[in-house]
Amino acid sequence: MDMLNQKQKIIMIVGIVIIIIVIIFYYINSTKEIYNPTQTNEVVEEIEEEEEISEEEQKIIVHITGAVVNNGIVEVKESARINDVIEEAGGVTDDADLSNVNLAYAVKDGQKIYIPSKNDKESTEDLKIISEEAGTDIINEVDEAQTSGKVNINTATKEELQTLSGIGESTASKIITYREENGKFKKIEDIKNVPGIGDAKFENIKDKITV
């Protein structure tokens, strides 16, 4: 009789343990997040789509005419130069005249660029007047520095900046670093934001620089 009671107790204990294990197992599986490969793939696709949208937002629209293969609207990266725009337009024609075109000029959204040909009879000044009347931001892309003898602080190299009075290699590097980090100088006075260029140094170079 005692052995029977003892067996019943053991069976009851085992049953209780099994019930506890089942409850724990059910609780764990009901609360943990189930891995779903399909959902993971969807998340990856969403991230890729967001990256594509972000990349699209960094594009700008430019209008190019003149001595290029395809005149019209082109889409380029925000950091594009005139050379990049020309490439998007299929390159220049055989009669293109790039002698006064600054291919390294950074373009901006909504800009119109005119690439002159060797057959253009207008002078540089005439082209500038035509540019203003036509609403073209860049035409023949003659940098003021080329016609006035001034140093363009937005495009000048380190060596060109060092030709300015009081501007050494270190300061020239700071000017380049500043415009790379903050964009083009909007007016010549902005150069005073560069460390090392105060009022006195600016007064010495203001008549020799342009933007």
N, C-alpha and C. Protein backbone atom coordinates (compact mmCIF):
# COMPACT_ATOMS: atom_id res chain seq x y z
N MET A 1 0.83 -1.20 0.00
CA MET A 1 0.00 0.00 0.00
C MET A 1 0.87 1.25 0.00
N ASP A 2 1.91 1.19 0.84
CA ASP A 2 2.83 2.34 0.91
C ASP A 2 3.53 2.54 -0.41
N MET A 3 3.90 1.40 -1.06
CA MET A 3 4.60 1.50 -2.35
C MET A 3 3.68 2.11 -3.40
N LEU A 4 2.40 1.78 -3.32
CA LEU A 4 1.44 2.35 -4.26
C LEU A 4 1.32 3.85 -4.07
N ASN A 5 1.24 4.26 -2.83
CA ASN A 5 1.17 5.70 -2.55
C ASN A 5 2.43 6.41 -3.03
N GLN A 6 3.57 5.73 -2.83
CA GLN A 6 4.84 6.34 -3.25
C GLN A 6 4.90 6.49 -4.77
N LYS A 7 4.40 5.48 -5.50
CA LYS A 7 4.36 5.58 -6.96
C LYS A 7 3.44 6.70 -7.41
N GLN A 8 2.31 6.85 -6.72
CA GLN A 8 1.37 7.91 -7.07
C GLN A 8 1.99 9.29 -6.87
N LYS A 9 2.75 9.40 -5.77
CA LYS A 9 3.43 10.68 -5.49
C LYS A 9 4.43 11.01 -6.59
N ILE A 10 5.21 9.96 -7.01
CA ILE A 10 6.22 10.18 -8.06
C ILE A 10 5.54 10.61 -9.36
N ILE A 11 4.42 9.92 -9.68
CA ILE A 11 3.70 10.26 -10.91
C ILE A 11 3.17 11.69 -10.85
N MET A 12 2.68 12.08 -9.69
CA MET A 12 2.15 13.44 -9.53
C MET A 12 3.25 14.47 -9.69
N ILE A 13 4.43 14.17 -9.08
CA ILE A 13 5.56 15.11 -9.17
C ILE A 13 6.01 15.25 -10.62
N VAL A 14 6.12 14.10 -11.31
CA VAL A 14 6.54 14.13 -12.72
C VAL A 14 5.53 14.91 -13.55
N GLY A 15 4.26 14.70 -13.27
CA GLY A 15 3.21 15.41 -14.00
C GLY A 15 3.29 16.91 -13.80
N ILE A 16 3.53 17.28 -12.53
CA ILE A 16 3.65 18.72 -12.22
C ILE A 16 4.83 19.33 -12.95
N VAL A 17 5.98 18.60 -12.94
CA VAL A 17 7.19 19.10 -13.62
C VAL A 17 6.92 19.28 -15.11
N ILE A 18 6.22 18.30 -15.70
CA ILE A 18 5.91 18.38 -17.14
C ILE A 18 5.02 19.57 -17.43
N ILE A 19 4.03 19.77 -16.55
CA ILE A 19 3.14 20.93 -16.74
C ILE A 19 3.90 22.24 -16.67
N ILE A 20 4.82 22.33 -15.68
CA ILE A 20 5.63 23.55 -15.53
C ILE A 20 6.49 23.78 -16.77
N ILE A 21 7.11 22.70 -17.28
CA ILE A 21 7.95 22.81 -18.47
C ILE A 21 7.14 23.30 -19.67
N VAL A 22 5.94 22.72 -19.81
CA VAL A 22 5.06 23.11 -20.93
C VAL A 22 4.67 24.58 -20.82
N ILE A 23 4.35 25.02 -19.61
CA ILE A 23 3.97 26.43 -19.39
C ILE A 23 5.13 27.36 -19.74
N ILE A 24 6.35 27.02 -19.26
CA ILE A 24 7.54 27.84 -19.53
C ILE A 24 7.81 27.90 -21.03
N PHE A 25 7.75 26.75 -21.68
CA PHE A 25 8.00 26.66 -23.12
C PHE A 25 7.00 27.51 -23.90
N TYR A 26 5.73 27.43 -23.51
CA TYR A 26 4.69 28.21 -24.18
C TYR A 26 4.90 29.71 -23.98
N TYR A 27 5.27 30.09 -22.77
CA TYR A 27 5.49 31.51 -22.45
C TYR A 27 6.64 32.08 -23.28
N ILE A 28 7.76 31.34 -23.32
CA ILE A 28 8.94 31.80 -24.07
C ILE A 28 8.61 31.98 -25.54
N ASN A 29 7.92 31.01 -26.12
CA ASN A 29 7.61 31.06 -27.56
C ASN A 29 6.55 32.09 -27.89
N SER A 30 5.74 32.45 -26.91
CA SER A 30 4.69 33.43 -27.18
C SER A 30 5.19 34.86 -27.04
N THR A 31 6.31 35.05 -26.35
CA THR A 31 6.82 36.41 -26.11
C THR A 31 8.01 36.78 -26.97
N LYS A 32 8.78 35.80 -27.40
CA LYS A 32 9.97 36.15 -28.20
C LYS A 32 9.58 36.49 -29.62
N GLU A 33 10.38 37.34 -30.28
CA GLU A 33 10.11 37.74 -31.66
C GLU A 33 10.56 36.64 -32.59
N ILE A 34 9.68 36.24 -33.47
CA ILE A 34 10.00 35.17 -34.40
C ILE A 34 10.74 35.73 -35.61
N TYR A 35 11.85 35.13 -35.93
CA TYR A 35 12.65 35.59 -37.07
C TYR A 35 11.94 35.26 -38.37
N ASN A 36 11.78 36.25 -39.20
CA ASN A 36 11.11 36.06 -40.47
C ASN A 36 12.01 36.57 -41.59
N PRO A 37 12.62 35.67 -42.37
CA PRO A 37 13.52 36.08 -43.45
C PRO A 37 12.85 37.01 -44.44
N THR A 38 11.56 36.83 -44.69
CA THR A 38 10.84 37.68 -45.63
C THR A 38 10.80 39.12 -45.14
N GLN A 39 10.51 39.29 -43.83
CA GLN A 39 10.49 40.62 -43.27
C GLN A 39 11.87 41.27 -43.33
N THR A 40 12.92 40.50 -43.09
CA THR A 40 14.29 41.01 -43.15
C THR A 40 14.61 41.53 -44.54
N ASN A 41 14.21 40.76 -45.56
CA ASN A 41 14.44 41.17 -46.93
C ASN A 41 13.69 42.46 -47.25
N GLU A 42 12.48 42.59 -46.70
CA GLU A 42 11.69 43.79 -46.94
C GLU A 42 12.38 45.01 -46.33
N VAL A 43 12.94 44.84 -45.14
CA VAL A 43 13.65 45.94 -44.48
C VAL A 43 14.86 46.37 -45.31
N VAL A 44 15.62 45.39 -45.80
CA VAL A 44 16.79 45.68 -46.63
C VAL A 44 16.38 46.44 -47.89
N GLU A 45 15.27 46.01 -48.52
CA GLU A 45 14.80 46.68 -49.72
C GLU A 45 14.38 48.11 -49.43
N GLU A 46 13.74 48.33 -48.27
CA GLU A 46 13.33 49.68 -47.89
C GLU A 46 14.54 50.59 -47.71
N ILE A 47 15.59 50.04 -47.08
CA ILE A 47 16.81 50.83 -46.86
C ILE A 47 17.43 51.20 -48.20
N GLU A 48 17.48 50.22 -49.12
CA GLU A 48 18.06 50.48 -50.44
C GLU A 48 17.25 51.54 -51.19
N GLU A 49 15.91 51.48 -51.06
CA GLU A 49 15.07 52.47 -51.73
C GLU A 49 15.31 53.86 -51.16
N GLU A 50 15.49 53.94 -49.82
CA GLU A 50 15.76 55.23 -49.19
C GLU A 50 17.09 55.79 -49.66
N GLU A 51 18.09 54.90 -49.83
CA GLU A 51 19.39 55.35 -50.30
C GLU A 51 19.29 55.87 -51.73
N GLU A 52 18.47 55.18 -52.56
CA GLU A 52 18.29 55.62 -53.93
C GLU A 52 17.61 56.98 -53.97
N ILE A 53 16.58 57.16 -53.12
CA ILE A 53 15.89 58.45 -53.07
C ILE A 53 16.84 59.54 -52.63
N SER A 54 17.68 59.23 -51.62
CA SER A 54 18.65 60.21 -51.12
C SER A 54 19.61 60.61 -52.23
N GLU A 55 20.02 59.61 -53.04
CA GLU A 55 20.95 59.90 -54.13
C GLU A 55 20.27 60.77 -55.18
N GLU A 56 18.98 60.52 -55.45
CA GLU A 56 18.26 61.32 -56.42
C GLU A 56 18.14 62.76 -55.95
N GLU A 57 17.98 62.96 -54.66
CA GLU A 57 17.83 64.30 -54.12
C GLU A 57 19.13 65.11 -54.25
N GLN A 58 20.24 64.42 -54.48
CA GLN A 58 21.51 65.11 -54.60
C GLN A 58 21.83 65.47 -56.05
N LYS A 59 20.87 65.28 -56.94
CA LYS A 59 21.06 65.63 -58.34
C LYS A 59 20.54 67.04 -58.59
N ILE A 60 21.10 67.71 -59.61
CA ILE A 60 20.65 69.03 -60.01
C ILE A 60 20.37 69.03 -61.51
N ILE A 61 19.59 70.00 -61.97
CA ILE A 61 19.23 70.12 -63.38
C ILE A 61 19.94 71.33 -63.97
N VAL A 62 20.62 71.11 -65.11
CA VAL A 62 21.37 72.18 -65.77
C VAL A 62 21.00 72.20 -67.25
N HIS A 63 20.93 73.39 -67.83
CA HIS A 63 20.63 73.55 -69.26
C HIS A 63 21.92 73.91 -69.99
N ILE A 64 22.30 73.11 -70.97
CA ILE A 64 23.53 73.37 -71.71
C ILE A 64 23.21 73.52 -73.19
N THR A 65 23.79 74.57 -73.81
CA THR A 65 23.58 74.83 -75.23
C THR A 65 24.92 75.17 -75.87
N GLY A 66 24.87 75.38 -77.19
CA GLY A 66 26.08 75.76 -77.89
C GLY A 66 26.74 74.58 -78.58
N ALA A 67 28.07 74.56 -78.54
CA ALA A 67 28.84 73.57 -79.28
C ALA A 67 28.98 72.25 -78.54
N VAL A 68 27.83 71.65 -78.23
CA VAL A 68 27.81 70.31 -77.63
C VAL A 68 26.93 69.41 -78.49
N VAL A 69 27.13 68.11 -78.38
CA VAL A 69 26.40 67.17 -79.23
C VAL A 69 24.90 67.24 -78.99
N ASN A 70 24.50 67.27 -77.73
CA ASN A 70 23.07 67.29 -77.39
C ASN A 70 22.73 68.52 -76.57
N ASN A 71 22.15 69.51 -77.20
CA ASN A 71 21.70 70.70 -76.48
C ASN A 71 20.45 70.36 -75.67
N GLY A 72 20.35 70.92 -74.47
CA GLY A 72 19.15 70.71 -73.68
C GLY A 72 19.41 70.52 -72.21
N ILE A 73 18.46 69.89 -71.53
CA ILE A 73 18.50 69.70 -70.09
C ILE A 73 19.27 68.42 -69.75
N VAL A 74 20.17 68.51 -68.77
CA VAL A 74 20.88 67.33 -68.29
C VAL A 74 20.80 67.28 -66.77
N GLU A 75 20.87 66.08 -66.24
CA GLU A 75 20.85 65.88 -64.79
C GLU A 75 22.21 65.42 -64.34
N VAL A 76 22.80 66.14 -63.38
CA VAL A 76 24.13 65.81 -62.90
C VAL A 76 24.15 65.85 -61.38
N LYS A 77 25.23 65.36 -60.80
CA LYS A 77 25.37 65.40 -59.35
C LYS A 77 25.54 66.83 -58.87
N GLU A 78 25.18 67.05 -57.63
CA GLU A 78 25.25 68.40 -57.06
C GLU A 78 26.66 68.95 -57.07
N SER A 79 27.66 68.07 -57.02
CA SER A 79 29.06 68.49 -57.01
C SER A 79 29.67 68.58 -58.40
N ALA A 80 28.85 68.50 -59.44
CA ALA A 80 29.34 68.45 -60.82
C ALA A 80 30.04 69.73 -61.25
N ARG A 81 30.97 69.55 -62.19
CA ARG A 81 31.67 70.66 -62.82
C ARG A 81 31.18 70.79 -64.27
N ILE A 82 31.60 71.86 -64.94
CA ILE A 82 31.18 72.05 -66.33
C ILE A 82 31.59 70.86 -67.19
N ASN A 83 32.75 70.31 -66.90
CA ASN A 83 33.22 69.15 -67.68
C ASN A 83 32.23 67.98 -67.56
N ASP A 84 31.67 67.78 -66.38
CA ASP A 84 30.70 66.71 -66.17
C ASP A 84 29.42 66.97 -66.97
N VAL A 85 29.01 68.23 -67.03
CA VAL A 85 27.80 68.59 -67.77
C VAL A 85 28.01 68.33 -69.26
N ILE A 86 29.20 68.70 -69.76
CA ILE A 86 29.52 68.48 -71.18
C ILE A 86 29.47 66.99 -71.50
N GLU A 87 30.00 66.16 -70.61
CA GLU A 87 29.98 64.71 -70.83
C GLU A 87 28.55 64.19 -70.89
N GLU A 88 27.67 64.70 -70.00
CA GLU A 88 26.27 64.27 -70.00
C GLU A 88 25.56 64.71 -71.28
N ALA A 89 26.08 65.79 -71.90
CA ALA A 89 25.48 66.29 -73.13
C ALA A 89 26.09 65.62 -74.36
N GLY A 90 26.86 64.58 -74.16
CA GLY A 90 27.42 63.83 -75.29
C GLY A 90 28.75 64.33 -75.76
N GLY A 91 29.34 65.30 -75.02
CA GLY A 91 30.64 65.84 -75.42
C GLY A 91 30.48 67.06 -76.32
N VAL A 92 31.61 67.66 -76.67
CA VAL A 92 31.59 68.86 -77.50
C VAL A 92 31.64 68.49 -78.98
N THR A 93 31.25 69.42 -79.82
CA THR A 93 31.32 69.22 -81.26
C THR A 93 32.73 69.56 -81.74
N ASP A 94 33.01 69.25 -83.01
CA ASP A 94 34.35 69.47 -83.56
C ASP A 94 34.74 70.94 -83.60
N ASP A 95 33.74 71.82 -83.68
CA ASP A 95 34.06 73.25 -83.78
C ASP A 95 33.99 73.97 -82.44
N ALA A 96 33.93 73.20 -81.35
CA ALA A 96 33.86 73.82 -80.01
C ALA A 96 35.16 74.56 -79.69
N ASP A 97 35.01 75.67 -79.01
CA ASP A 97 36.17 76.46 -78.60
C ASP A 97 36.20 76.49 -77.07
N LEU A 98 37.08 75.66 -76.49
CA LEU A 98 37.16 75.55 -75.03
C LEU A 98 38.31 76.38 -74.44
N SER A 99 38.90 77.21 -75.26
CA SER A 99 40.09 77.95 -74.80
C SER A 99 39.80 78.85 -73.61
N ASN A 100 38.58 79.38 -73.55
CA ASN A 100 38.23 80.26 -72.43
C ASN A 100 37.20 79.66 -71.50
N VAL A 101 36.98 78.36 -71.65
CA VAL A 101 35.98 77.70 -70.81
C VAL A 101 36.66 77.08 -69.59
N ASN A 102 36.17 77.44 -68.43
CA ASN A 102 36.72 76.88 -67.18
C ASN A 102 36.01 75.57 -66.89
N LEU A 103 36.57 74.46 -67.35
CA LEU A 103 35.94 73.15 -67.21
C LEU A 103 35.79 72.72 -65.75
N ALA A 104 36.57 73.34 -64.86
CA ALA A 104 36.52 72.96 -63.45
C ALA A 104 35.49 73.77 -62.66
N TYR A 105 34.77 74.65 -63.32
CA TYR A 105 33.79 75.50 -62.65
C TYR A 105 32.65 74.67 -62.08
N ALA A 106 32.32 74.87 -60.82
CA ALA A 106 31.24 74.13 -60.17
C ALA A 106 29.89 74.71 -60.57
N VAL A 107 29.02 73.88 -61.12
CA VAL A 107 27.72 74.36 -61.58
C VAL A 107 26.69 74.32 -60.45
N LYS A 108 25.55 74.94 -60.68
CA LYS A 108 24.50 74.96 -59.68
C LYS A 108 23.15 74.66 -60.33
N ASP A 109 22.18 74.32 -59.53
CA ASP A 109 20.87 73.93 -60.03
C ASP A 109 20.20 75.08 -60.77
N GLY A 110 19.61 74.77 -61.93
CA GLY A 110 18.90 75.78 -62.70
C GLY A 110 19.79 76.63 -63.58
N GLN A 111 21.06 76.32 -63.65
CA GLN A 111 22.00 77.13 -64.40
C GLN A 111 21.94 76.80 -65.90
N LYS A 112 22.23 77.80 -66.72
CA LYS A 112 22.32 77.60 -68.16
C LYS A 112 23.76 77.85 -68.60
N ILE A 113 24.29 76.92 -69.36
CA ILE A 113 25.68 76.99 -69.78
C ILE A 113 25.76 77.04 -71.30
N TYR A 114 26.55 77.97 -71.80
CA TYR A 114 26.75 78.07 -73.24
C TYR A 114 28.20 77.75 -73.58
N ILE A 115 28.39 76.79 -74.47
CA ILE A 115 29.74 76.43 -74.91
C ILE A 115 29.96 77.05 -76.29
N PRO A 116 30.88 77.99 -76.41
CA PRO A 116 31.08 78.69 -77.69
C PRO A 116 31.76 77.80 -78.73
N SER A 117 31.62 78.20 -79.97
CA SER A 117 32.29 77.49 -81.06
C SER A 117 33.34 78.41 -81.67
N LYS A 118 34.17 77.85 -82.51
CA LYS A 118 35.22 78.64 -83.17
C LYS A 118 34.61 79.64 -84.15
N ASN A 119 33.37 79.44 -84.50
CA ASN A 119 32.71 80.33 -85.44
C ASN A 119 32.06 81.53 -84.77
N ASP A 120 32.03 81.52 -83.45
CA ASP A 120 31.45 82.66 -82.75
C ASP A 120 32.28 83.91 -83.02
N LYS A 121 31.64 84.95 -83.51
CA LYS A 121 32.37 86.17 -83.87
C LYS A 121 32.36 87.20 -82.74
N GLU A 122 31.45 86.98 -81.79
CA GLU A 122 31.34 87.96 -80.71
C GLU A 122 32.59 87.96 -79.84
N SER A 123 32.90 89.11 -79.29
CA SER A 123 34.01 89.22 -78.36
C SER A 123 33.56 88.72 -77.00
N THR A 124 34.50 88.60 -76.10
CA THR A 124 34.17 88.16 -74.74
C THR A 124 33.14 89.08 -74.11
N GLU A 125 33.30 90.38 -74.30
CA GLU A 125 32.38 91.34 -73.71
C GLU A 125 31.00 91.20 -74.33
N ASP A 126 30.95 90.98 -75.67
CA ASP A 126 29.66 90.79 -76.33
C ASP A 126 28.94 89.56 -75.79
N LEU A 127 29.72 88.50 -75.58
CA LEU A 127 29.14 87.26 -75.07
C LEU A 127 28.57 87.45 -73.67
N LYS A 128 29.25 88.24 -72.87
CA LYS A 128 28.77 88.51 -71.52
C LYS A 128 27.44 89.27 -71.56
N ILE A 129 27.35 90.23 -72.51
CA ILE A 129 26.11 91.00 -72.64
C ILE A 129 24.98 90.08 -73.09
N ILE A 130 25.27 89.23 -74.08
CA ILE A 130 24.28 88.27 -74.55
C ILE A 130 23.84 87.36 -73.40
N SER A 131 24.81 86.98 -72.57
CA SER A 131 24.52 86.11 -71.44
C SER A 131 23.52 86.75 -70.50
N GLU A 132 23.73 88.02 -70.19
CA GLU A 132 22.84 88.72 -69.28
C GLU A 132 21.45 88.86 -69.87
N GLU A 133 21.37 89.17 -71.17
CA GLU A 133 20.07 89.35 -71.80
C GLU A 133 19.31 88.03 -71.92
N ALA A 134 20.07 86.94 -72.11
CA ALA A 134 19.43 85.63 -72.28
C ALA A 134 19.17 84.93 -70.96
N GLY A 135 19.65 85.51 -69.89
CA GLY A 135 19.46 84.89 -68.58
C GLY A 135 20.37 83.69 -68.40
N THR A 136 21.46 83.66 -69.12
CA THR A 136 22.40 82.55 -69.02
C THR A 136 23.44 82.87 -67.95
N ASP A 137 23.57 81.97 -66.99
CA ASP A 137 24.48 82.22 -65.88
C ASP A 137 25.94 82.10 -66.32
N ILE A 138 26.22 81.15 -67.18
CA ILE A 138 27.60 80.96 -67.63
C ILE A 138 27.61 80.92 -69.14
N ILE A 139 28.37 81.77 -69.75
CA ILE A 139 28.49 81.76 -71.20
C ILE A 139 29.94 82.06 -71.54
N ASN A 140 30.55 81.18 -72.27
CA ASN A 140 31.96 81.28 -72.61
C ASN A 140 32.84 81.12 -71.39
N GLU A 141 32.22 81.07 -70.22
CA GLU A 141 32.88 80.80 -68.95
C GLU A 141 34.26 81.43 -68.85
N VAL A 142 34.35 82.72 -69.12
CA VAL A 142 35.59 83.46 -68.93
C VAL A 142 35.64 83.92 -67.49
N ASP A 143 36.55 83.40 -66.73
CA ASP A 143 36.69 83.78 -65.34
C ASP A 143 37.16 85.23 -65.27
N GLU A 144 36.60 85.99 -64.34
CA GLU A 144 37.00 87.38 -64.19
C GLU A 144 38.49 87.49 -63.92
N ALA A 145 39.03 86.48 -63.29
CA ALA A 145 40.46 86.49 -63.00
C ALA A 145 41.29 86.51 -64.27
N GLN A 146 40.73 85.93 -65.37
CA GLN A 146 41.47 85.89 -66.62
C GLN A 146 41.50 87.24 -67.30
N THR A 147 40.46 88.05 -67.10
CA THR A 147 40.39 89.33 -67.79
C THR A 147 40.83 90.51 -66.92
N SER A 148 40.80 90.35 -65.63
CA SER A 148 41.15 91.45 -64.74
C SER A 148 42.50 91.29 -64.07
N GLY A 149 43.07 90.10 -64.16
CA GLY A 149 44.35 89.85 -63.51
C GLY A 149 44.20 89.57 -62.03
N LYS A 150 42.94 89.48 -61.56
CA LYS A 150 42.71 89.20 -60.15
C LYS A 150 42.70 87.70 -59.89
N VAL A 151 42.90 87.34 -58.62
CA VAL A 151 42.89 85.94 -58.21
C VAL A 151 41.49 85.59 -57.73
N ASN A 152 40.88 84.60 -58.36
CA ASN A 152 39.55 84.16 -57.95
C ASN A 152 39.70 83.22 -56.75
N ILE A 153 39.28 83.67 -55.58
CA ILE A 153 39.49 82.89 -54.36
C ILE A 153 38.60 81.65 -54.31
N ASN A 154 37.66 81.54 -55.24
CA ASN A 154 36.82 80.34 -55.29
C ASN A 154 37.42 79.23 -56.14
N THR A 155 38.31 79.59 -57.06
CA THR A 155 38.86 78.58 -57.98
C THR A 155 40.38 78.52 -57.98
N ALA A 156 41.03 79.47 -57.34
CA ALA A 156 42.49 79.54 -57.39
C ALA A 156 43.15 78.34 -56.71
N THR A 157 44.27 77.93 -57.27
CA THR A 157 45.05 76.85 -56.67
C THR A 157 45.86 77.41 -55.50
N LYS A 158 46.50 76.53 -54.78
CA LYS A 158 47.33 76.96 -53.66
C LYS A 158 48.45 77.88 -54.14
N GLU A 159 49.03 77.53 -55.28
CA GLU A 159 50.13 78.34 -55.82
C GLU A 159 49.65 79.73 -56.22
N GLU A 160 48.45 79.78 -56.82
CA GLU A 160 47.91 81.07 -57.25
C GLU A 160 47.56 81.94 -56.04
N LEU A 161 47.06 81.35 -54.99
CA LEU A 161 46.73 82.10 -53.77
C LEU A 161 47.99 82.67 -53.12
N GLN A 162 49.09 81.95 -53.25
CA GLN A 162 50.34 82.40 -52.63
C GLN A 162 50.96 83.61 -53.34
N THR A 163 50.41 83.96 -54.50
CA THR A 163 50.92 85.16 -55.19
C THR A 163 50.38 86.43 -54.54
N LEU A 164 49.38 86.27 -53.66
CA LEU A 164 48.81 87.41 -52.95
C LEU A 164 49.72 87.83 -51.80
N SER A 165 49.77 89.10 -51.54
CA SER A 165 50.62 89.64 -50.49
C SER A 165 50.22 89.11 -49.12
N GLY A 166 51.17 88.52 -48.40
CA GLY A 166 50.93 88.03 -47.06
C GLY A 166 50.27 86.67 -46.98
N ILE A 167 50.01 86.03 -48.12
CA ILE A 167 49.39 84.70 -48.13
C ILE A 167 50.46 83.65 -48.40
N GLY A 168 50.80 82.90 -47.35
CA GLY A 168 51.79 81.84 -47.49
C GLY A 168 51.13 80.50 -47.76
N GLU A 169 51.93 79.46 -47.75
CA GLU A 169 51.41 78.12 -48.06
C GLU A 169 50.36 77.69 -47.05
N SER A 170 50.60 77.96 -45.77
CA SER A 170 49.68 77.55 -44.73
C SER A 170 48.32 78.24 -44.87
N THR A 171 48.34 79.56 -45.08
CA THR A 171 47.09 80.32 -45.22
C THR A 171 46.36 79.93 -46.50
N ALA A 172 47.12 79.69 -47.57
CA ALA A 172 46.50 79.27 -48.84
C ALA A 172 45.78 77.94 -48.64
N SER A 173 46.38 77.04 -47.89
CA SER A 173 45.73 75.75 -47.61
C SER A 173 44.46 75.95 -46.80
N LYS A 174 44.49 76.91 -45.87
CA LYS A 174 43.31 77.18 -45.06
C LYS A 174 42.17 77.74 -45.91
N ILE A 175 42.51 78.56 -46.90
CA ILE A 175 41.49 79.12 -47.80
C ILE A 175 40.81 78.00 -48.58
N ILE A 176 41.62 77.09 -49.10
CA ILE A 176 41.08 75.97 -49.88
C ILE A 176 40.22 75.07 -49.00
N THR A 177 40.71 74.79 -47.80
CA THR A 177 39.96 73.95 -46.87
C THR A 177 38.62 74.60 -46.51
N TYR A 178 38.65 75.91 -46.29
CA TYR A 178 37.43 76.63 -45.92
C TYR A 178 36.37 76.53 -47.01
N ARG A 179 36.77 76.76 -48.27
CA ARG A 179 35.76 76.74 -49.34
C ARG A 179 35.28 75.33 -49.64
N GLU A 180 36.12 74.32 -49.36
CA GLU A 180 35.68 72.93 -49.54
C GLU A 180 34.64 72.54 -48.51
N GLU A 181 34.80 73.08 -47.29
CA GLU A 181 33.89 72.74 -46.20
C GLU A 181 32.65 73.62 -46.15
N ASN A 182 32.76 74.86 -46.62
CA ASN A 182 31.66 75.81 -46.50
C ASN A 182 31.07 76.28 -47.83
N GLY A 183 31.66 75.84 -48.93
CA GLY A 183 31.17 76.28 -50.24
C GLY A 183 31.89 77.54 -50.70
N LYS A 184 31.45 78.04 -51.84
CA LYS A 184 32.11 79.20 -52.44
C LYS A 184 31.96 80.46 -51.58
N PHE A 185 32.96 81.33 -51.70
CA PHE A 185 32.85 82.65 -51.08
C PHE A 185 31.83 83.44 -51.89
N LYS A 186 30.88 84.06 -51.22
CA LYS A 186 29.85 84.84 -51.93
C LYS A 186 30.34 86.26 -52.21
N LYS A 187 31.21 86.77 -51.38
CA LYS A 187 31.82 88.08 -51.61
C LYS A 187 33.24 88.04 -51.07
N ILE A 188 34.07 88.95 -51.55
CA ILE A 188 35.50 88.88 -51.18
C ILE A 188 35.69 89.06 -49.68
N GLU A 189 34.78 89.78 -49.03
CA GLU A 189 34.91 90.00 -47.58
C GLU A 189 34.81 88.70 -46.78
N ASP A 190 34.21 87.70 -47.39
CA ASP A 190 34.04 86.42 -46.69
C ASP A 190 35.36 85.74 -46.41
N ILE A 191 36.41 86.15 -47.12
CA ILE A 191 37.71 85.52 -46.91
C ILE A 191 38.23 85.80 -45.51
N LYS A 192 37.68 86.82 -44.87
CA LYS A 192 38.10 87.13 -43.50
C LYS A 192 37.62 86.09 -42.50
N ASN A 193 36.74 85.20 -42.97
CA ASN A 193 36.29 84.10 -42.10
C ASN A 193 37.35 83.01 -41.99
N VAL A 194 38.33 83.06 -42.88
CA VAL A 194 39.41 82.07 -42.86
C VAL A 194 40.38 82.42 -41.73
N PRO A 195 40.71 81.46 -40.88
CA PRO A 195 41.66 81.72 -39.78
C PRO A 195 42.98 82.27 -40.32
N GLY A 196 43.43 83.34 -39.73
CA GLY A 196 44.72 83.92 -40.15
C GLY A 196 44.58 85.11 -41.07
N ILE A 197 43.35 85.39 -41.52
CA ILE A 197 43.14 86.55 -42.39
C ILE A 197 42.26 87.56 -41.67
N GLY A 198 42.90 88.60 -41.18
CA GLY A 198 42.19 89.65 -40.46
C GLY A 198 41.97 90.86 -41.35
N ASP A 199 41.53 91.95 -40.73
CA ASP A 199 41.24 93.18 -41.49
C ASP A 199 42.47 93.72 -42.20
N ALA A 200 43.60 93.70 -41.52
CA ALA A 200 44.82 94.27 -42.11
C ALA A 200 45.24 93.49 -43.35
N LYS A 201 45.25 92.18 -43.26
CA LYS A 201 45.66 91.37 -44.41
C LYS A 201 44.64 91.49 -45.54
N PHE A 202 43.37 91.61 -45.18
CA PHE A 202 42.34 91.76 -46.20
C PHE A 202 42.52 93.06 -46.97
N GLU A 203 42.86 94.13 -46.27
CA GLU A 203 43.06 95.42 -46.92
C GLU A 203 44.19 95.34 -47.94
N ASN A 204 45.19 94.50 -47.66
CA ASN A 204 46.33 94.38 -48.56
C ASN A 204 45.99 93.61 -49.84
N ILE A 205 44.99 92.75 -49.78
CA ILE A 205 44.70 91.88 -50.93
C ILE A 205 43.35 92.14 -51.58
N LYS A 206 42.52 92.98 -51.00
CA LYS A 206 41.13 93.13 -51.49
C LYS A 206 41.03 93.58 -52.94
N ASP A 207 42.02 94.39 -53.37
CA ASP A 207 42.00 94.87 -54.76
C ASP A 207 42.56 93.87 -55.75
N LYS A 208 43.04 92.74 -55.23
CA LYS A 208 43.68 91.75 -56.11
C LYS A 208 42.92 90.43 -56.13
N ILE A 209 41.76 90.41 -55.48
CA ILE A 209 40.97 89.17 -55.45
C ILE A 209 39.56 89.39 -55.97
N THR A 210 38.94 88.31 -56.38
CA THR A 210 37.55 88.36 -56.86
C THR A 210 36.89 87.02 -56.55
N VAL A 211 35.55 86.97 -56.74
CA VAL A 211 34.81 85.72 -56.52
C VAL A 211 34.02 85.38 -57.77
